[in-house]
Amino acid sequence: MSRTDKTAAPADSTPARAPRSRRNVVVPLLLIAVLGGSAAFAVIRPWERGESTTGQAPVAYDVVAVEKGSLSTGIQAGGALGFDNPTPVVATGRGTLTALPAVGTVIRTGGRLYEVDGRPVVLLKGERPMWRDLGPGTTDGPDVEQLKRNLIELGHAEGLGLAADQRFTPGTATAVKRWQKALGMPQTGTVTLGSVVMLPQATARVQRVGAQLGAAVGTGSVLTVTSTDLVATVQPAENQLSRFKPNGKVTVKLTEGGTIDGRIRSLVRGGAGGEEGGSGGGSGDGSDKTTVTIALDGQRLARKSGPSSVVVSVVGDSVSDALIVPVTALLALEGGGYGVKVADGADATTARLVKVQLGLVADAKAQISGGIRAGDQVVVPK
């Protein structure tokens, strides 16, 4: 069957051998890298120039309708919602564990973490762990300042004119006695090693109990605690990592419905996993993947969902009300730019070439404009 369109190749005949300079002319390669972790799509359609297809199987055509809709270069990756900053608590000093908290218990500054020899071990806020007894005669140091700051914030220094400095003064000893009285402990004025645990956060949630009642202090981690805030973690594929940028915006879709906006806080190569759906640390499979931690804007909704699986969407370029065709419908034009063939109904043999402007490309689809309407039938190879 002959075709009047000079850009179509004869279906049933082999053209005469062309001069060498002409045989090597083909339409340039159209290479569209589809964002979002998808593979690259290459479209080579030499038959659109009327060149020889000797040795090639006849090309079959189909038509598809031009769609109108939205297109986005954003990507999605499965992740987990978990409590932030898991931290092991190691008991210091000597003694026997006589009381332990339940998993899920929330303890605030000044509260009891666990008990040794019948006496409470108290949570205080500080970056430096306790490493010595603090009492009258103690030399100056930042650990003293840390203790005094806690005594002031807990209200045990009222009327004493206590300053948060590095000196252990008589007023400091008085504030310590007040604190010990409130706890029902002997009022010695000295804070002994092992009687407090310093943690950076003011509030701790017990994630794991790693010791047993009756165990001797100093045999390992007693507890693992976390922040009460939840974060999302995800370990994207290598070809997705470039889309996860520090401080970049993301959307977190919850399993039970609803979404939370978030911001990428950190990327850590080979991050160790935590418990309870990630807990701020990744999969825990020992892999060398990069763990992305995402701070969430809406803690109320996150706490309602609790530790669970989530879908993290990285915000990308997007368009709405766009005319969309498969990338395989695009033809590279000899003079530059792209075109599509618009058919009359389902008959691909009556197609006419229409030059279009290329817009956003994603998920093997392309945004086009110029001389095209939604519902038009464009030609694609089968």
Protein backbone atom coordinates (compact mmCIF):
# COMPACT_ATOMS: atom_id res chain seq x y z
CA MET A 1 0.00 0.00 0.00
CA SER A 2 1.50 3.39 -0.92
CA ARG A 3 1.38 6.39 1.37
CA THR A 4 1.23 9.99 0.22
CA ASP A 5 3.06 11.32 3.28
CA LYS A 6 6.63 11.76 2.08
CA THR A 7 7.90 11.22 5.62
CA ALA A 8 6.62 7.63 5.70
CA ALA A 9 8.66 4.68 4.46
CA PRO A 10 7.19 2.31 1.81
CA ALA A 11 5.87 -0.76 3.52
CA ASP A 12 6.43 -3.39 0.84
CA SER A 13 9.40 -2.26 -1.24
CA THR A 14 13.11 -1.76 -0.82
CA PRO A 15 14.36 1.59 -2.18
CA ALA A 16 17.37 1.84 -4.46
CA ARG A 17 20.72 2.03 -2.78
CA ALA A 18 21.28 5.67 -1.84
CA PRO A 19 24.61 7.49 -2.11
CA ARG A 20 26.86 6.97 0.91
CA SER A 21 26.48 10.55 2.14
CA ARG A 22 22.73 10.14 2.29
CA ARG A 23 22.54 6.64 3.72
CA ASN A 24 24.12 7.84 6.95
CA VAL A 25 21.59 10.62 7.63
CA VAL A 26 19.10 9.80 10.38
CA VAL A 27 16.91 11.87 12.63
CA PRO A 28 18.86 12.89 15.75
CA LEU A 29 18.42 10.79 18.86
CA LEU A 30 15.74 12.04 21.19
CA LEU A 31 16.95 11.24 24.68
CA ILE A 32 14.69 12.24 27.48
CA ALA A 33 15.82 11.51 31.01
CA VAL A 34 12.67 10.91 32.94
CA LEU A 35 12.97 12.29 36.45
CA GLY A 36 11.83 10.55 39.57
CA GLY A 37 14.15 7.56 39.45
CA SER A 38 12.65 6.25 36.20
CA ALA A 39 14.82 4.88 33.44
CA ALA A 40 15.87 7.04 30.51
CA PHE A 41 13.79 6.72 27.35
CA ALA A 42 15.45 6.89 23.94
CA VAL A 43 13.37 7.36 20.82
CA ILE A 44 15.01 6.77 17.44
CA ARG A 45 12.60 6.91 14.53
CA PRO A 46 14.55 6.97 11.22
CA TRP A 47 11.48 5.89 9.26
CA GLU A 48 9.98 9.35 9.81
CA ARG A 49 12.54 10.72 7.28
CA GLY A 50 11.68 8.27 4.54
CA GLU A 51 15.07 6.55 4.90
CA SER A 52 15.66 2.89 4.15
CA THR A 53 14.49 0.37 6.68
CA THR A 54 16.24 -2.50 4.93
CA GLY A 55 16.91 -5.26 7.41
CA GLN A 56 14.44 -3.89 9.95
CA ALA A 57 11.06 -5.32 10.84
CA PRO A 58 8.11 -3.20 9.62
CA VAL A 59 7.18 -0.63 12.22
CA ALA A 60 3.63 -0.85 13.58
CA TYR A 61 1.81 2.24 14.76
CA ASP A 62 -0.93 3.01 17.22
CA VAL A 63 -2.69 6.17 18.33
CA VAL A 64 -3.31 7.55 21.79
CA ALA A 65 -5.34 10.55 22.93
CA VAL A 66 -3.70 13.73 24.15
CA GLU A 67 -4.58 13.97 27.85
CA LYS A 68 -5.10 17.02 30.02
CA GLY A 69 -3.93 16.80 33.59
CA SER A 70 -1.12 17.31 36.06
CA LEU A 71 2.52 16.31 35.79
CA SER A 72 5.20 16.40 38.48
CA THR A 73 8.89 15.58 38.76
CA GLY A 74 8.56 14.82 42.44
CA ILE A 75 9.52 11.34 43.65
CA GLN A 76 8.20 9.05 46.36
CA ALA A 77 9.98 6.65 48.69
CA GLY A 78 8.77 4.42 51.50
CA GLY A 79 9.90 5.36 54.99
CA ALA A 80 9.04 5.11 58.65
CA LEU A 81 7.71 7.35 61.38
CA GLY A 82 9.54 7.00 64.69
CA PHE A 83 10.62 8.81 67.82
CA ASP A 84 13.65 11.03 67.43
CA ASN A 85 17.16 10.73 68.81
CA PRO A 86 17.39 7.26 70.44
CA THR A 87 19.98 7.48 73.22
CA PRO A 88 21.30 4.66 75.46
CA VAL A 89 21.42 5.37 79.17
CA VAL A 90 24.38 3.83 80.97
CA ALA A 91 24.25 3.63 84.76
CA THR A 92 27.33 4.80 86.66
CA GLY A 93 28.43 4.20 90.21
CA ARG A 94 27.66 1.00 92.14
CA GLY A 95 24.60 -0.85 93.31
CA THR A 96 21.70 -3.03 92.21
CA LEU A 97 18.81 -2.06 89.99
CA THR A 98 15.69 -2.15 92.14
CA ALA A 99 13.11 -0.43 89.88
CA LEU A 100 12.79 0.14 86.12
CA PRO A 101 10.26 2.14 84.07
CA ALA A 102 7.86 0.69 81.54
CA VAL A 103 8.39 1.18 77.81
CA GLY A 104 6.55 4.30 76.70
CA THR A 105 6.96 6.12 80.01
CA VAL A 106 7.65 9.83 79.56
CA ILE A 107 10.03 11.35 82.11
CA ARG A 108 10.70 15.07 82.47
CA THR A 109 13.65 16.91 83.99
CA GLY A 110 13.66 16.23 87.73
CA GLY A 111 11.75 12.96 87.33
CA ARG A 112 12.88 9.44 88.26
CA LEU A 113 14.44 7.36 85.48
CA TYR A 114 15.06 4.18 87.47
CA GLU A 115 16.12 3.11 90.96
CA VAL A 116 19.38 1.79 92.42
CA ASP A 117 19.52 0.29 95.93
CA GLY A 118 16.08 1.73 96.60
CA ARG A 119 17.09 5.30 95.71
CA PRO A 120 15.91 7.17 92.61
CA VAL A 121 18.19 8.05 89.73
CA VAL A 122 16.98 11.40 88.44
CA LEU A 123 16.90 12.87 84.94
CA LEU A 124 18.59 16.25 84.61
CA LYS A 125 19.24 18.24 81.48
CA GLY A 126 22.83 18.60 80.31
CA GLU A 127 25.30 17.80 77.57
CA ARG A 128 28.04 16.48 79.87
CA PRO A 129 27.64 13.19 81.73
CA MET A 130 28.30 13.08 85.47
CA TRP A 131 31.82 11.85 86.19
CA ARG A 132 32.38 12.75 89.87
CA ASP A 133 30.60 13.59 93.10
CA LEU A 134 29.51 17.23 93.33
CA GLY A 135 29.46 18.79 96.80
CA PRO A 136 31.25 21.18 99.16
CA GLY A 137 34.94 21.32 98.26
CA THR A 138 34.38 20.36 94.62
CA THR A 139 36.69 22.20 92.26
CA ASP A 140 35.17 24.53 89.72
CA GLY A 141 33.96 23.04 86.48
CA PRO A 142 31.28 23.02 83.76
CA ASP A 143 29.60 20.04 85.42
CA VAL A 144 28.95 22.24 88.47
CA GLU A 145 27.43 24.92 86.24
CA GLN A 146 25.23 22.27 84.64
CA LEU A 147 23.96 21.08 88.04
CA LYS A 148 23.27 24.62 89.27
CA ARG A 149 21.31 25.45 86.13
CA ASN A 150 19.04 22.46 86.80
CA LEU A 151 18.56 23.40 90.46
CA ILE A 152 17.54 26.93 89.43
CA GLU A 153 15.11 25.73 86.74
CA LEU A 154 13.54 23.19 89.13
CA GLY A 155 12.85 25.96 91.65
CA HIS A 156 15.20 24.80 94.44
CA ALA A 157 17.35 27.97 94.42
CA GLU A 158 14.69 30.55 95.27
CA GLY A 159 15.94 33.25 97.62
CA LEU A 160 19.53 31.97 97.47
CA GLY A 161 20.81 34.34 94.79
CA LEU A 162 22.32 31.34 93.04
CA ALA A 163 24.04 32.03 89.70
CA ALA A 164 24.59 29.39 87.04
CA ASP A 165 28.38 29.53 87.26
CA GLN A 166 31.08 26.90 87.80
CA ARG A 167 31.57 27.36 91.56
CA PHE A 168 30.03 25.01 94.13
CA THR A 169 29.06 27.54 96.79
CA PRO A 170 27.31 27.10 100.18
CA GLY A 171 24.14 28.27 98.41
CA THR A 172 24.58 25.42 95.93
CA ALA A 173 24.73 22.90 98.80
CA THR A 174 21.52 24.39 100.24
CA ALA A 175 19.75 24.07 96.89
CA VAL A 176 20.93 20.45 96.64
CA LYS A 177 19.48 19.69 100.11
CA ARG A 178 16.13 21.18 99.09
CA TRP A 179 16.14 19.02 95.98
CA GLN A 180 17.04 15.91 98.00
CA LYS A 181 14.24 16.62 100.47
CA ALA A 182 11.71 16.89 97.66
CA LEU A 183 12.83 13.47 96.43
CA GLY A 184 12.66 11.90 99.90
CA MET A 185 16.40 11.31 99.94
CA PRO A 186 18.96 11.98 102.73
CA GLN A 187 19.81 15.71 102.71
CA THR A 188 23.57 15.55 102.36
CA GLY A 189 24.14 18.56 100.08
CA THR A 190 26.26 16.34 97.82
CA VAL A 191 25.17 14.85 94.51
CA THR A 192 26.85 11.45 94.26
CA LEU A 193 28.01 9.83 91.07
CA GLY A 194 25.24 7.66 89.67
CA SER A 195 22.37 9.50 91.36
CA VAL A 196 21.54 11.57 88.26
CA VAL A 197 21.64 11.05 84.51
CA MET A 198 22.38 14.04 82.30
CA LEU A 199 20.67 14.02 78.90
CA PRO A 200 20.47 16.80 76.29
CA GLN A 201 16.67 16.73 76.12
CA ALA A 202 14.39 18.00 78.87
CA THR A 203 11.90 15.19 78.28
CA ALA A 204 12.69 11.54 77.59
CA ARG A 205 10.47 8.71 76.43
CA VAL A 206 11.53 5.17 77.36
CA GLN A 207 11.88 3.22 74.15
CA ARG A 208 13.59 0.10 75.43
CA VAL A 209 14.54 -1.42 78.76
CA GLY A 210 17.87 -3.17 78.36
CA ALA A 211 18.47 -4.42 81.89
CA GLN A 212 16.70 -6.64 84.40
CA LEU A 213 15.76 -6.01 88.00
CA GLY A 214 18.48 -7.25 90.29
CA ALA A 215 21.25 -6.62 87.76
CA ALA A 216 24.38 -4.91 88.98
CA VAL A 217 24.99 -1.35 87.83
CA GLY A 218 27.75 -0.98 85.28
CA THR A 219 26.94 -4.07 83.17
CA GLY A 220 25.73 -2.12 80.13
CA SER A 221 22.90 0.07 78.94
CA VAL A 222 19.96 0.24 81.34
CA LEU A 223 17.53 2.05 79.05
CA THR A 224 17.21 3.50 75.59
CA VAL A 225 15.32 6.78 75.60
CA THR A 226 14.16 9.05 72.82
CA SER A 227 12.71 12.49 72.36
CA THR A 228 8.92 12.74 72.46
CA ASP A 229 8.99 14.26 68.96
CA LEU A 230 8.53 12.03 65.94
CA VAL A 231 10.55 12.20 62.75
CA ALA A 232 10.32 10.44 59.41
CA THR A 233 13.24 8.45 58.08
CA VAL A 234 13.80 7.05 54.61
CA GLN A 235 16.61 5.22 52.83
CA PRO A 236 16.26 6.25 49.17
CA ALA A 237 17.77 4.39 46.24
CA GLU A 238 21.10 5.67 44.97
CA ASN A 239 19.52 7.22 41.88
CA GLN A 240 17.08 9.15 44.09
CA LEU A 241 19.63 10.64 46.50
CA SER A 242 20.26 13.76 44.44
CA ARG A 243 16.65 14.79 45.02
CA PHE A 244 17.07 14.75 48.83
CA LYS A 245 18.82 18.02 49.65
CA PRO A 246 19.58 19.37 53.16
CA ASN A 247 16.75 21.59 54.35
CA GLY A 248 14.67 20.56 51.34
CA LYS A 249 10.89 20.41 51.60
CA VAL A 250 9.04 17.10 51.59
CA THR A 251 5.53 15.80 52.22
CA VAL A 252 4.95 12.81 54.49
CA LYS A 253 1.83 10.72 53.83
CA LEU A 254 0.62 8.82 56.88
CA THR A 255 -0.68 5.25 56.78
CA GLU A 256 -3.95 6.22 58.45
CA GLY A 257 -4.50 9.14 56.09
CA GLY A 258 -3.44 12.76 56.09
CA THR A 259 -0.16 14.40 55.21
CA ILE A 260 2.44 16.38 57.14
CA ASP A 261 4.89 18.88 55.70
CA GLY A 262 8.50 18.31 56.63
CA ARG A 263 12.04 19.44 56.00
CA ILE A 264 15.14 17.32 55.45
CA ARG A 265 17.28 17.64 58.58
CA SER A 266 20.15 15.29 57.87
CA LEU A 267 21.58 12.67 55.51
CA VAL A 268 23.79 10.03 57.14
CA ARG A 269 25.60 7.31 55.22
CA GLY A 270 25.16 3.87 56.77
CA GLY A 271 22.91 5.15 59.58
CA ALA A 272 22.07 2.53 62.18
CA GLY A 273 18.44 1.61 62.63
CA GLY A 274 16.31 1.97 65.72
CA GLU A 275 13.20 0.26 67.00
CA GLU A 276 9.53 1.00 66.61
CA GLY A 277 9.24 1.84 62.95
CA GLY A 278 12.59 3.51 62.54
CA SER A 279 12.91 5.75 65.60
CA GLY A 280 14.99 8.24 63.71
CA GLY A 281 17.55 5.81 62.43
CA GLY A 282 16.71 3.80 59.29
CA SER A 283 16.22 0.13 58.55
CA GLY A 284 18.71 -1.42 60.93
CA ASP A 285 19.83 -4.01 58.34
CA GLY A 286 23.46 -2.95 58.53
CA SER A 287 23.49 -1.76 54.92
CA ASP A 288 25.56 1.11 53.62
CA LYS A 289 22.52 3.08 52.51
CA THR A 290 22.03 6.75 53.28
CA THR A 291 19.42 7.46 55.95
CA VAL A 292 17.50 10.70 55.48
CA THR A 293 15.92 12.16 58.63
CA ILE A 294 12.98 14.53 58.21
CA ALA A 295 11.76 16.97 60.87
CA LEU A 296 7.97 17.27 60.86
CA ASP A 297 5.89 20.43 61.10
CA GLY A 298 2.82 18.77 62.64
CA GLN A 299 3.62 16.79 65.79
CA ARG A 300 -0.01 16.49 66.87
CA LEU A 301 -1.00 14.56 63.76
CA ALA A 302 2.24 12.56 63.86
CA ARG A 303 1.63 11.46 67.47
CA LYS A 304 -1.90 10.45 66.57
CA SER A 305 -0.49 8.13 63.92
CA GLY A 306 2.41 6.91 66.06
CA PRO A 307 5.35 4.81 64.81
CA SER A 308 4.29 3.45 61.43
CA SER A 309 5.14 3.23 57.75
CA VAL A 310 4.90 6.40 55.67
CA VAL A 311 5.43 7.55 52.09
CA VAL A 312 7.82 10.47 51.67
CA SER A 313 7.32 12.69 48.61
CA VAL A 314 10.07 15.06 47.56
CA VAL A 315 8.62 18.26 46.19
CA GLY A 316 9.61 18.85 42.56
CA ASP A 317 8.50 20.89 39.56
CA SER A 318 4.85 20.45 38.66
CA VAL A 319 2.26 21.69 36.17
CA SER A 320 -1.52 21.45 36.12
CA ASP A 321 -4.01 21.59 33.25
CA ALA A 322 -1.21 20.49 30.95
CA LEU A 323 -1.53 18.69 27.61
CA ILE A 324 0.28 15.39 28.08
CA VAL A 325 1.51 12.72 25.64
CA PRO A 326 3.77 9.67 26.00
CA VAL A 327 7.41 10.51 25.31
CA THR A 328 7.34 7.95 22.48
CA ALA A 329 4.99 10.27 20.58
CA LEU A 330 7.70 12.93 20.28
CA LEU A 331 9.71 13.27 17.08
CA ALA A 332 13.05 15.06 16.84
CA LEU A 333 12.80 17.54 13.97
CA GLU A 334 15.74 18.04 11.61
CA GLY A 335 15.76 21.79 12.12
CA GLY A 336 15.54 21.50 15.88
CA GLY A 337 12.70 21.11 18.31
CA TYR A 338 10.05 18.42 18.48
CA GLY A 339 6.83 17.45 16.81
CA VAL A 340 4.04 14.89 17.03
CA LYS A 341 1.93 13.26 14.36
CA VAL A 342 -1.77 13.92 14.75
CA ALA A 343 -4.02 11.27 13.20
CA ASP A 344 -7.55 11.57 11.85
CA GLY A 345 -9.31 9.33 14.34
CA ALA A 346 -7.71 5.90 14.70
CA ASP A 347 -6.10 5.94 11.23
CA ALA A 348 -2.38 6.43 11.73
CA THR A 349 -1.76 6.54 7.96
CA THR A 350 -3.45 9.93 7.60
CA ALA A 351 -1.38 11.61 10.29
CA ARG A 352 -0.03 15.12 9.85
CA LEU A 353 3.11 16.44 11.51
CA VAL A 354 2.59 19.23 14.06
CA LYS A 355 5.48 21.07 15.65
CA VAL A 356 5.09 21.42 19.44
CA GLN A 357 6.86 23.07 22.35
CA LEU A 358 8.19 20.66 24.97
CA GLY A 359 7.55 21.38 28.63
CA LEU A 360 7.95 19.26 31.75
CA VAL A 361 8.95 15.61 31.34
CA ALA A 362 8.29 12.99 34.04
CA ASP A 363 7.19 9.37 34.39
CA ALA A 364 7.57 8.66 30.64
CA LYS A 365 5.16 11.50 29.82
CA ALA A 366 5.77 14.94 28.33
CA GLN A 367 3.97 18.25 28.50
CA ILE A 368 3.44 19.79 25.04
CA SER A 369 1.80 22.91 23.65
CA GLY A 370 1.19 24.52 20.27
CA GLY A 371 -1.47 23.45 17.74
CA ILE A 372 -2.65 20.53 19.87
CA ARG A 373 -5.86 20.03 21.83
CA ALA A 374 -6.92 17.54 24.49
CA GLY A 375 -8.44 14.48 22.82
CA ASP A 376 -6.38 14.73 19.63
CA GLN A 377 -5.04 11.35 18.51
CA VAL A 378 -1.24 11.21 18.26
CA VAL A 379 0.78 8.45 16.67
CA VAL A 380 3.07 6.23 18.74
CA PRO A 381 5.01 3.09 17.82
CA LYS A 382 3.44 -0.09 19.12
